Amino acid sequence: MYPDAKVTLQEWAAIVKKSEWTCFADVKKTFNSVDNVGNQHYVFNIKGNNYRLIVVIKFTIKFVYIRFIGTHAEYDRIADCSVL
């Protein structure tokens, strides 16, 4: 869908797979630009902030659910990304 972001997203996924996060502070150490938007939802800037990635992180079960991948403009149209 976004071929110019493919490599960056693959790199993000590889980092996430080997991470041992237990809290938001751990995520922030790995990805400084990540934002906690509430309800276990986190927003990552991808490819120089051209894209946004919204995920739900379940720290207790060590699982990351991807809820949205899109351009910054598409992200801006989301009213409340904590309910995706």
PDB file of N, CA and C in Angstrom:
ATOM      1  N   MET A   1       0.811  -1.195   0.000  1.00  0.00           N
ATOM      2  CA  MET A   1       0.000   0.000   0.000  1.00  0.00           C
ATOM      3  C   MET A   1       0.858   1.264   0.000  1.00  0.00           C
ATOM      4  N   TYR A   2       1.939   1.249   0.766  1.00  0.00           N
ATOM      5  CA  TYR A   2       2.870   2.377   0.821  1.00  0.00           C
ATOM      6  C   TYR A   2       4.271   1.844   0.557  1.00  0.00           C
ATOM      7  N   PRO A   3       4.606   1.593  -0.710  1.00  0.00           N
ATOM      8  CA  PRO A   3       5.886   0.949  -1.021  1.00  0.00           C
ATOM      9  C   PRO A   3       7.108   1.718  -0.538  1.00  0.00           C
ATOM     10  N   ASP A   4       7.026   3.039  -0.477  1.00  0.00           N
ATOM     11  CA  ASP A   4       8.188   3.812  -0.028  1.00  0.00           C
ATOM     12  C   ASP A   4       8.418   3.694   1.482  1.00  0.00           C
ATOM     13  N   ALA A   5       7.442   3.170   2.208  1.00  0.00           N
ATOM     14  CA  ALA A   5       7.595   2.981   3.656  1.00  0.00           C
ATOM     15  C   ALA A   5       7.873   1.527   4.021  1.00  0.00           C
ATOM     16  N   LYS A   6       7.888   0.648   3.036  1.00  0.00           N
ATOM     17  CA  LYS A   6       8.011  -0.789   3.304  1.00  0.00           C
ATOM     18  C   LYS A   6       9.257  -1.140   4.117  1.00  0.00           C
ATOM     19  N   VAL A   7      10.408  -0.667   3.699  1.00  0.00           N
ATOM     20  CA  VAL A   7      11.660  -1.011   4.391  1.00  0.00           C
ATOM     21  C   VAL A   7      11.649  -0.472   5.815  1.00  0.00           C
ATOM     22  N   THR A   8      11.203   0.758   5.983  1.00  0.00           N
ATOM     23  CA  THR A   8      11.151   1.353   7.322  1.00  0.00           C
ATOM     24  C   THR A   8      10.208   0.570   8.229  1.00  0.00           C
ATOM     25  N   LEU A   9       9.063   0.153   7.708  1.00  0.00           N
ATOM     26  CA  LEU A   9       8.122  -0.636   8.504  1.00  0.00           C
ATOM     27  C   LEU A   9       8.691  -2.011   8.845  1.00  0.00           C
ATOM     28  N   GLN A  10       9.418  -2.600   7.911  1.00  0.00           N
ATOM     29  CA  GLN A  10      10.063  -3.888   8.191  1.00  0.00           C
ATOM     30  C   GLN A  10      11.121  -3.739   9.279  1.00  0.00           C
ATOM     31  N   GLU A  11      11.869  -2.659   9.226  1.00  0.00           N
ATOM     32  CA  GLU A  11      12.874  -2.395  10.263  1.00  0.00           C
ATOM     33  C   GLU A  11      12.199  -2.188  11.615  1.00  0.00           C
ATOM     34  N   TRP A  12      11.100  -1.449  11.635  1.00  0.00           N
ATOM     35  CA  TRP A  12      10.346  -1.234  12.866  1.00  0.00           C
ATOM     36  C   TRP A  12       9.889  -2.584  13.431  1.00  0.00           C
ATOM     37  N   ALA A  13       9.322  -3.423  12.572  1.00  0.00           N
ATOM     38  CA  ALA A  13       8.825  -4.732  13.014  1.00  0.00           C
ATOM     39  C   ALA A  13       9.946  -5.601  13.572  1.00  0.00           C
ATOM     40  N   ALA A  14      11.101  -5.579  12.942  1.00  0.00           N
ATOM     41  CA  ALA A  14      12.236  -6.378  13.420  1.00  0.00           C
ATOM     42  C   ALA A  14      12.680  -5.920  14.807  1.00  0.00           C
ATOM     43  N   ILE A  15      12.699  -4.626  15.024  1.00  0.00           N
ATOM     44  CA  ILE A  15      13.076  -4.091  16.340  1.00  0.00           C
ATOM     45  C   ILE A  15      12.042  -4.495  17.389  1.00  0.00           C
ATOM     46  N   VAL A  16      10.768  -4.370  17.042  1.00  0.00           N
ATOM     47  CA  VAL A  16       9.695  -4.709  17.982  1.00  0.00           C
ATOM     48  C   VAL A  16       9.752  -6.188  18.361  1.00  0.00           C
ATOM     49  N   LYS A  17       9.990  -7.049  17.389  1.00  0.00           N
ATOM     50  CA  LYS A  17      10.018  -8.497  17.652  1.00  0.00           C
ATOM     51  C   LYS A  17      11.076  -8.887  18.670  1.00  0.00           C
ATOM     52  N   LYS A  18      12.188  -8.189  18.689  1.00  0.00           N
ATOM     53  CA  LYS A  18      13.256  -8.559  19.623  1.00  0.00           C
ATOM     54  C   LYS A  18      13.231  -7.742  20.914  1.00  0.00           C
ATOM     55  N   SER A  19      12.281  -6.819  21.029  1.00  0.00           N
ATOM     56  CA  SER A  19      12.194  -5.973  22.220  1.00  0.00           C
ATOM     57  C   SER A  19      11.535  -6.716  23.374  1.00  0.00           C
ATOM     58  N   GLU A  20      11.921  -6.325  24.578  1.00  0.00           N
ATOM     59  CA  GLU A  20      11.365  -6.896  25.812  1.00  0.00           C
ATOM     60  C   GLU A  20      10.739  -5.774  26.641  1.00  0.00           C
ATOM     61  N   TRP A  21       9.788  -5.071  26.060  1.00  0.00           N
ATOM     62  CA  TRP A  21       9.178  -3.942  26.727  1.00  0.00           C
ATOM     63  C   TRP A  21       8.280  -4.388  27.875  1.00  0.00           C
ATOM     64  N   THR A  22       8.344  -3.662  28.975  1.00  0.00           N
ATOM     65  CA  THR A  22       7.443  -3.921  30.099  1.00  0.00           C
ATOM     66  C   THR A  22       6.585  -2.704  30.431  1.00  0.00           C
ATOM     67  N   CYS A  23       6.926  -1.565  29.811  1.00  0.00           N
ATOM     68  CA  CYS A  23       6.180  -0.330  30.077  1.00  0.00           C
ATOM     69  C   CYS A  23       6.482   0.681  28.969  1.00  0.00           C
ATOM     70  N   PHE A  24       5.737   1.785  28.992  1.00  0.00           N
ATOM     71  CA  PHE A  24       5.920   2.815  27.976  1.00  0.00           C
ATOM     72  C   PHE A  24       7.334   3.378  27.976  1.00  0.00           C
ATOM     73  N   ALA A  25       7.936   3.507  29.136  1.00  0.00           N
ATOM     74  CA  ALA A  25       9.304   4.046  29.205  1.00  0.00           C
ATOM     75  C   ALA A  25      10.271   3.194  28.387  1.00  0.00           C
ATOM     76  N   ASP A  26      10.066   1.887  28.372  1.00  0.00           N
ATOM     77  CA  ASP A  26      10.910   1.000  27.560  1.00  0.00           C
ATOM     78  C   ASP A  26      10.719   1.277  26.071  1.00  0.00           C
ATOM     79  N   VAL A  27       9.475   1.475  25.671  1.00  0.00           N
ATOM     80  CA  VAL A  27       9.181   1.781  24.262  1.00  0.00           C
ATOM     81  C   VAL A  27       9.841   3.101  23.889  1.00  0.00           C
ATOM     82  N   LYS A  28       9.733   4.074  24.770  1.00  0.00           N
ATOM     83  CA  LYS A  28      10.293   5.413  24.530  1.00  0.00           C
ATOM     84  C   LYS A  28      11.816   5.361  24.389  1.00  0.00           C
ATOM     85  N   LYS A  29      12.459   4.456  25.126  1.00  0.00           N
ATOM     86  CA  LYS A  29      13.912   4.296  24.991  1.00  0.00           C
ATOM     87  C   LYS A  29      14.278   3.761  23.610  1.00  0.00           C
ATOM     88  N   THR A  30      13.411   2.913  23.072  1.00  0.00           N
ATOM     89  CA  THR A  30      13.665   2.316  21.758  1.00  0.00           C
ATOM     90  C   THR A  30      13.296   3.269  20.625  1.00  0.00           C
ATOM     91  N   PHE A  31      12.136   3.899  20.746  1.00  0.00           N
ATOM     92  CA  PHE A  31      11.628   4.824  19.727  1.00  0.00           C
ATOM     93  C   PHE A  31      11.297   6.145  20.416  1.00  0.00           C
ATOM     94  N   ASN A  32      12.211   7.074  20.371  1.00  0.00           N
ATOM     95  CA  ASN A  32      12.059   8.337  21.095  1.00  0.00           C
ATOM     96  C   ASN A  32      10.829   9.136  20.680  1.00  0.00           C
ATOM     97  N   SER A  33      10.392   9.005  19.431  1.00  0.00           N
ATOM     98  CA  SER A  33       9.289   9.841  18.957  1.00  0.00           C
ATOM     99  C   SER A  33       7.910   9.232  19.202  1.00  0.00           C
ATOM    100  N   VAL A  34       7.833   8.090  19.854  1.00  0.00           N
ATOM    101  CA  VAL A  34       6.539   7.456  20.101  1.00  0.00           C
ATOM    102  C   VAL A  34       5.718   8.284  21.087  1.00  0.00           C
ATOM    103  N   ASP A  35       4.400   8.292  20.870  1.00  0.00           N
ATOM    104  CA  ASP A  35       3.487   8.994  21.773  1.00  0.00           C
ATOM    105  C   ASP A  35       2.458   8.023  22.330  1.00  0.00           C
ATOM    106  N   ASN A  36       2.165   8.153  23.606  1.00  0.00           N
ATOM    107  CA  ASN A  36       1.103   7.395  24.252  1.00  0.00           C
ATOM    108  C   ASN A  36      -0.161   8.232  24.123  1.00  0.00           C
ATOM    109  N   VAL A  37      -1.158   7.728  23.385  1.00  0.00           N
ATOM    110  CA  VAL A  37      -2.379   8.498  23.160  1.00  0.00           C
ATOM    111  C   VAL A  37      -3.550   7.974  23.987  1.00  0.00           C
ATOM    112  N   GLY A  38      -3.265   7.081  24.913  1.00  0.00           N
ATOM    113  CA  GLY A  38      -4.289   6.580  25.816  1.00  0.00           C
ATOM    114  C   GLY A  38      -4.857   5.240  25.412  1.00  0.00           C
ATOM    115  N   ASN A  39      -5.468   4.570  26.378  1.00  0.00           N
ATOM    116  CA  ASN A  39      -6.139   3.294  26.149  1.00  0.00           C
ATOM    117  C   ASN A  39      -5.211   2.252  25.528  1.00  0.00           C
ATOM    118  N   GLN A  40      -3.961   2.228  25.950  1.00  0.00           N
ATOM    119  CA  GLN A  40      -2.931   1.299  25.479  1.00  0.00           C
ATOM    120  C   GLN A  40      -2.573   1.501  24.003  1.00  0.00           C
ATOM    121  N   HIS A  41      -2.910   2.653  23.444  1.00  0.00           N
ATOM    122  CA  HIS A  41      -2.617   2.979  22.049  1.00  0.00           C
ATOM    123  C   HIS A  41      -1.382   3.880  21.982  1.00  0.00           C
ATOM    124  N   TYR A  42      -0.538   3.602  20.993  1.00  0.00           N
ATOM    125  CA  TYR A  42       0.720   4.331  20.824  1.00  0.00           C
ATOM    126  C   TYR A  42       0.882   4.700  19.358  1.00  0.00           C
ATOM    127  N   VAL A  43       1.416   5.891  19.113  1.00  0.00           N
ATOM    128  CA  VAL A  43       1.604   6.389  17.751  1.00  0.00           C
ATOM    129  C   VAL A  43       3.096   6.536  17.481  1.00  0.00           C
ATOM    130  N   PHE A  44       3.529   5.931  16.376  1.00  0.00           N
ATOM    131  CA  PHE A  44       4.922   5.991  15.945  1.00  0.00           C
ATOM    132  C   PHE A  44       5.013   6.808  14.667  1.00  0.00           C
ATOM    133  N   ASN A  45       6.030   7.641  14.572  1.00  0.00           N
ATOM    134  CA  ASN A  45       6.352   8.339  13.330  1.00  0.00           C
ATOM    135  C   ASN A  45       7.182   7.392  12.483  1.00  0.00           C
ATOM    136  N   ILE A  46       6.821   7.277  11.223  1.00  0.00           N
ATOM    137  CA  ILE A  46       7.498   6.361  10.307  1.00  0.00           C
ATOM    138  C   ILE A  46       8.027   7.143   9.113  1.00  0.00           C
ATOM    139  N   LYS A  47       9.218   6.823   8.720  1.00  0.00           N
ATOM    140  CA  LYS A  47       9.854   7.416   7.535  1.00  0.00           C
ATOM    141  C   LYS A  47       9.850   8.940   7.597  1.00  0.00           C
ATOM    142  N   GLY A  48      10.519   9.460   8.609  1.00  0.00           N
ATOM    143  CA  GLY A  48      10.656  10.910   8.729  1.00  0.00           C
ATOM    144  C   GLY A  48       9.352  11.629   8.968  1.00  0.00           C
ATOM    145  N   ASN A  49       8.426  10.966   9.670  1.00  0.00           N
ATOM    146  CA  ASN A  49       7.122  11.540  10.004  1.00  0.00           C
ATOM    147  C   ASN A  49       6.204  11.666   8.792  1.00  0.00           C
ATOM    148  N   ASN A  50       6.543  11.013   7.681  1.00  0.00           N
ATOM    149  CA  ASN A  50       5.649  10.999   6.524  1.00  0.00           C
ATOM    150  C   ASN A  50       4.468  10.064   6.745  1.00  0.00           C
ATOM    151  N   TYR A  51       4.662   9.065   7.602  1.00  0.00           N
ATOM    152  CA  TYR A  51       3.628   8.078   7.896  1.00  0.00           C
ATOM    153  C   TYR A  51       3.444   7.975   9.396  1.00  0.00           C
ATOM    154  N   ARG A  52       2.277   7.472   9.777  1.00  0.00           N
ATOM    155  CA  ARG A  52       1.990   7.225  11.184  1.00  0.00           C
ATOM    156  C   ARG A  52       1.555   5.774  11.333  1.00  0.00           C
ATOM    157  N   LEU A  53       1.960   5.210  12.440  1.00  0.00           N
ATOM    158  CA  LEU A  53       1.627   3.833  12.778  1.00  0.00           C
ATOM    159  C   LEU A  53       0.991   3.864  14.159  1.00  0.00           C
ATOM    160  N   ILE A  54      -0.235   3.365  14.264  1.00  0.00           N
ATOM    161  CA  ILE A  54      -0.913   3.292  15.558  1.00  0.00           C
ATOM    162  C   ILE A  54      -0.983   1.827  15.959  1.00  0.00           C
ATOM    163  N   VAL A  55      -0.548   1.553  17.174  1.00  0.00           N
ATOM    164  CA  VAL A  55      -0.580   0.180  17.680  1.00  0.00           C
ATOM    165  C   VAL A  55      -1.183   0.162  19.079  1.00  0.00           C
ATOM    166  N   VAL A  56      -1.658  -1.016  19.454  1.00  0.00           N
ATOM    167  CA  VAL A  56      -2.037  -1.298  20.833  1.00  0.00           C
ATOM    168  C   VAL A  56      -0.953  -2.210  21.374  1.00  0.00           C
ATOM    169  N   ILE A  57      -0.402  -1.860  22.517  1.00  0.00           N
ATOM    170  CA  ILE A  57       0.627  -2.699  23.132  1.00  0.00           C
ATOM    171  C   ILE A  57       0.063  -3.285  24.419  1.00  0.00           C
ATOM    172  N   LYS A  58       0.078  -4.617  24.485  1.00  0.00           N
ATOM    173  CA  LYS A  58      -0.323  -5.352  25.688  1.00  0.00           C
ATOM    174  C   LYS A  58       0.959  -5.830  26.357  1.00  0.00           C
ATOM    175  N   PHE A  59       1.458  -5.042  27.280  1.00  0.00           N
ATOM    176  CA  PHE A  59       2.744  -5.349  27.909  1.00  0.00           C
ATOM    177  C   PHE A  59       2.722  -6.672  28.667  1.00  0.00           C
ATOM    178  N   THR A  60       1.600  -6.991  29.312  1.00  0.00           N
ATOM    179  CA  THR A  60       1.545  -8.202  30.137  1.00  0.00           C
ATOM    180  C   THR A  60       1.653  -9.480  29.319  1.00  0.00           C
ATOM    181  N   ILE A  61       1.164  -9.458  28.088  1.00  0.00           N
ATOM    182  CA  ILE A  61       1.258 -10.652  27.239  1.00  0.00           C
ATOM    183  C   ILE A  61       2.284 -10.485  26.119  1.00  0.00           C
ATOM    184  N   LYS A  62       2.982  -9.351  26.147  1.00  0.00           N
ATOM    185  CA  LYS A  62       4.048  -9.072  25.172  1.00  0.00           C
ATOM    186  C   LYS A  62       3.539  -9.187  23.733  1.00  0.00           C
ATOM    187  N   PHE A  63       2.500  -8.412  23.445  1.00  0.00           N
ATOM    188  CA  PHE A  63       1.901  -8.457  22.120  1.00  0.00           C
ATOM    189  C   PHE A  63       1.638  -7.042  21.624  1.00  0.00           C
ATOM    190  N   VAL A  64       1.889  -6.832  20.335  1.00  0.00           N
ATOM    191  CA  VAL A  64       1.660  -5.537  19.690  1.00  0.00           C
ATOM    192  C   VAL A  64       0.661  -5.743  18.553  1.00  0.00           C
ATOM    193  N   TYR A  65      -0.442  -5.031  18.618  1.00  0.00           N
ATOM    194  CA  TYR A  65      -1.476  -5.098  17.593  1.00  0.00           C
ATOM    195  C   TYR A  65      -1.388  -3.846  16.730  1.00  0.00           C
ATOM    196  N   ILE A  66      -1.204  -4.018  15.440  1.00  0.00           N
ATOM    197  CA  ILE A  66      -1.201  -2.864  14.528  1.00  0.00           C
ATOM    198  C   ILE A  66      -2.646  -2.504  14.221  1.00  0.00           C
ATOM    199  N   ARG A  67      -3.001  -1.249  14.469  1.00  0.00           N
ATOM    200  CA  ARG A  67      -4.374  -0.784  14.254  1.00  0.00           C
ATOM    201  C   ARG A  67      -4.502   0.139  13.043  1.00  0.00           C
ATOM    202  N   PHE A  68      -3.395   0.812  12.665  1.00  0.00           N
ATOM    203  CA  PHE A  68      -3.463   1.766  11.554  1.00  0.00           C
ATOM    204  C   PHE A  68      -2.067   2.005  11.013  1.00  0.00           C
ATOM    205  N   ILE A  69      -1.966   2.015   9.696  1.00  0.00           N
ATOM    206  CA  ILE A  69      -0.767   2.480   8.993  1.00  0.00           C
ATOM    207  C   ILE A  69      -1.268   3.432   7.916  1.00  0.00           C
ATOM    208  N   GLY A  70      -0.747   4.644   7.900  1.00  0.00           N
ATOM    209  CA  GLY A  70      -1.187   5.583   6.890  1.00  0.00           C
ATOM    210  C   GLY A  70      -0.304   6.813   6.833  1.00  0.00           C
ATOM    211  N   THR A  71      -0.628   7.660   5.887  1.00  0.00           N
ATOM    212  CA  THR A  71       0.125   8.906   5.752  1.00  0.00           C
ATOM    213  C   THR A  71      -0.204   9.822   6.926  1.00  0.00           C
ATOM    214  N   HIS A  72       0.622  10.816   7.090  1.00  0.00           N
ATOM    215  CA  HIS A  72       0.365  11.791   8.154  1.00  0.00           C
ATOM    216  C   HIS A  72      -0.978  12.469   7.915  1.00  0.00           C
ATOM    217  N   ALA A  73      -1.291  12.767   6.656  1.00  0.00           N
ATOM    218  CA  ALA A  73      -2.568  13.410   6.331  1.00  0.00           C
ATOM    219  C   ALA A  73      -3.745  12.501   6.676  1.00  0.00           C
ATOM    220  N   GLU A  74      -3.627  11.206   6.399  1.00  0.00           N
ATOM    221  CA  GLU A  74      -4.692  10.259   6.759  1.00  0.00           C
ATOM    222  C   GLU A  74      -4.846  10.176   8.276  1.00  0.00           C
ATOM    223  N   TYR A  75      -3.737  10.166   8.970  1.00  0.00           N
ATOM    224  CA  TYR A  75      -3.752  10.135  10.435  1.00  0.00           C
ATOM    225  C   TYR A  75      -4.463  11.363  10.995  1.00  0.00           C
ATOM    226  N   ASP A  76      -4.222  12.510  10.405  1.00  0.00           N
ATOM    227  CA  ASP A  76      -4.830  13.753  10.884  1.00  0.00           C
ATOM    228  C   ASP A  76      -6.358  13.723  10.807  1.00  0.00           C
ATOM    229  N   ARG A  77      -6.924  12.852   9.966  1.00  0.00           N
ATOM    230  CA  ARG A  77      -8.380  12.755   9.831  1.00  0.00           C
ATOM    231  C   ARG A  77      -9.012  11.843  10.887  1.00  0.00           C
ATOM    232  N   ILE A  78      -8.194  11.181  11.692  1.00  0.00           N
ATOM    233  CA  ILE A  78      -8.722  10.305  12.740  1.00  0.00           C
ATOM    234  C   ILE A  78      -9.126  11.169  13.933  1.00  0.00           C
ATOM    235  N   ALA A  79     -10.373  11.050  14.328  1.00  0.00           N
ATOM    236  CA  ALA A  79     -10.886  11.886  15.421  1.00  0.00           C
ATOM    237  C   ALA A  79     -10.280  11.500  16.767  1.00  0.00           C
ATOM    238  N   ASP A  80     -10.207  10.205  17.047  1.00  0.00           N
ATOM    239  CA  ASP A  80      -9.677   9.739  18.334  1.00  0.00           C
ATOM    240  C   ASP A  80      -8.974   8.411  18.111  1.00  0.00           C
ATOM    241  N   CYS A  81      -7.665   8.447  18.002  1.00  0.00           N
ATOM    242  CA  CYS A  81      -6.921   7.228  17.681  1.00  0.00           C
ATOM    243  C   CYS A  81      -6.829   6.266  18.857  1.00  0.00           C
ATOM    244  N   SER A  82      -7.291   6.649  20.033  1.00  0.00           N
ATOM    245  CA  SER A  82      -7.253   5.734  21.175  1.00  0.00           C
ATOM    246  C   SER A  82      -8.411   4.743  21.165  1.00  0.00           C
ATOM    247  N   VAL A  83      -9.300   4.852  20.182  1.00  0.00           N
ATOM    248  CA  VAL A  83     -10.425   3.916  20.104  1.00  0.00           C
ATOM    249  C   VAL A  83     -10.360   3.023  18.871  1.00  0.00           C
ATOM    250  N   LEU A  84      -9.306   3.099  18.125  1.00  0.00           N
ATOM    251  CA  LEU A  84      -9.169   2.244  16.934  1.00  0.00           C
ATOM    252  C   LEU A  84      -9.067   0.795  17.322  1.00  0.00           C
TER     253      LEU A  84
END
